[in-house]
Amino acid sequence: MDAVSAIGRSRGAGSTQMWISLRVAADVLPLLVNACSAACVSALPSGAEDYVQLPHTGGRVKQPPSDWE
C-alpha cells in the first residue's frame, strides 16, 4: 500500500491532523487532513500560491509576505 492510499484508512491513535490550503476553482480552501503517518504527510501536495506551502498543525504559522508589505 502506498502512502497516499494509506490516508484512506481509519484514523487510529497514531493519526496526525495537518492543515493545507488548496486551490479549488477560483477559491483557496483550508483543508484539515487526518494523516496516518509521516509518509502520508509528506505525500500531501504543496499549498496554493501565496499561502503556507507546507502542511502545518495551525496556531502561529509564519505566513508568506503579502503584496502590500
Protein backbone atom coordinates (compact mmCIF):
# COMPACT_ATOMS: atom_id res chain seq x y z
CA MET A 1 0.00 0.00 0.00
CA ASP A 2 1.46 3.38 -0.94
CA ALA A 3 1.47 6.45 1.33
CA VAL A 4 -1.42 8.20 -0.42
CA SER A 5 -3.82 5.24 -0.31
CA ALA A 6 -2.94 4.70 3.35
CA ILE A 7 -4.56 8.07 4.11
CA GLY A 8 -7.93 6.49 3.43
CA ARG A 9 -7.59 4.03 6.30
CA SER A 10 -9.50 4.63 9.50
CA ARG A 11 -7.95 7.10 11.92
CA GLY A 12 -6.22 5.43 14.81
CA ALA A 13 -4.27 6.54 17.84
CA GLY A 14 -1.30 7.35 15.58
CA SER A 15 -3.13 9.76 13.27
CA THR A 16 -1.87 13.31 12.79
CA GLN A 17 -4.03 16.30 11.89
CA MET A 18 -2.44 18.78 9.49
CA TRP A 19 -3.80 21.82 7.65
CA ILE A 20 -3.18 22.52 3.97
CA SER A 21 -4.58 25.26 1.71
CA LEU A 22 -5.50 24.10 -1.78
CA ARG A 23 -6.97 25.94 -4.76
CA VAL A 24 -10.39 24.67 -5.84
CA ALA A 25 -11.64 26.52 -8.93
CA ALA A 26 -11.29 30.25 -8.08
CA ASP A 27 -11.06 29.75 -4.30
CA VAL A 28 -8.41 28.55 -1.85
CA LEU A 29 -9.82 26.25 0.81
CA PRO A 30 -8.27 25.33 4.16
CA LEU A 31 -8.42 21.54 4.43
CA LEU A 32 -7.88 19.51 7.60
CA VAL A 33 -6.11 16.23 6.80
CA ASN A 34 -6.11 13.19 9.09
CA ALA A 35 -2.82 11.55 8.12
CA CYS A 36 -1.91 8.09 9.39
CA SER A 37 1.87 8.59 9.27
CA ALA A 38 4.73 10.93 8.43
CA ALA A 39 4.83 9.29 4.98
CA CYS A 40 1.21 10.35 4.41
CA VAL A 41 2.01 13.92 5.47
CA SER A 42 4.99 14.05 3.12
CA ALA A 43 2.77 12.82 0.25
CA LEU A 44 0.45 15.85 0.59
CA PRO A 45 0.62 18.45 -2.19
CA SER A 46 2.18 21.87 -1.68
CA GLY A 47 -0.08 24.70 -0.60
CA ALA A 48 -1.67 27.16 -3.00
CA GLU A 49 0.44 30.02 -4.34
CA ASP A 50 0.74 32.89 -1.81
CA TYR A 51 -0.36 30.58 1.03
CA VAL A 52 1.57 28.44 3.52
CA GLN A 53 3.39 25.89 1.34
CA LEU A 54 3.84 23.05 3.81
CA PRO A 55 1.28 21.09 5.84
CA HIS A 56 1.09 22.54 9.37
CA THR A 57 -0.71 21.99 12.67
CA GLY A 58 -2.15 25.51 12.89
CA GLY A 59 -1.55 28.10 15.56
CA ARG A 60 1.24 30.59 14.94
CA VAL A 61 2.43 29.80 11.42
CA LYS A 62 4.78 32.09 9.51
CA GLN A 63 2.70 33.42 6.64
CA PRO A 64 4.11 34.26 3.20
CA PRO A 65 4.70 38.00 2.64
CA SER A 66 1.78 39.91 1.18
CA ASP A 67 1.91 42.17 -1.88
CA TRP A 68 1.26 45.30 0.20
CA GLU A 69 4.06 44.82 2.75
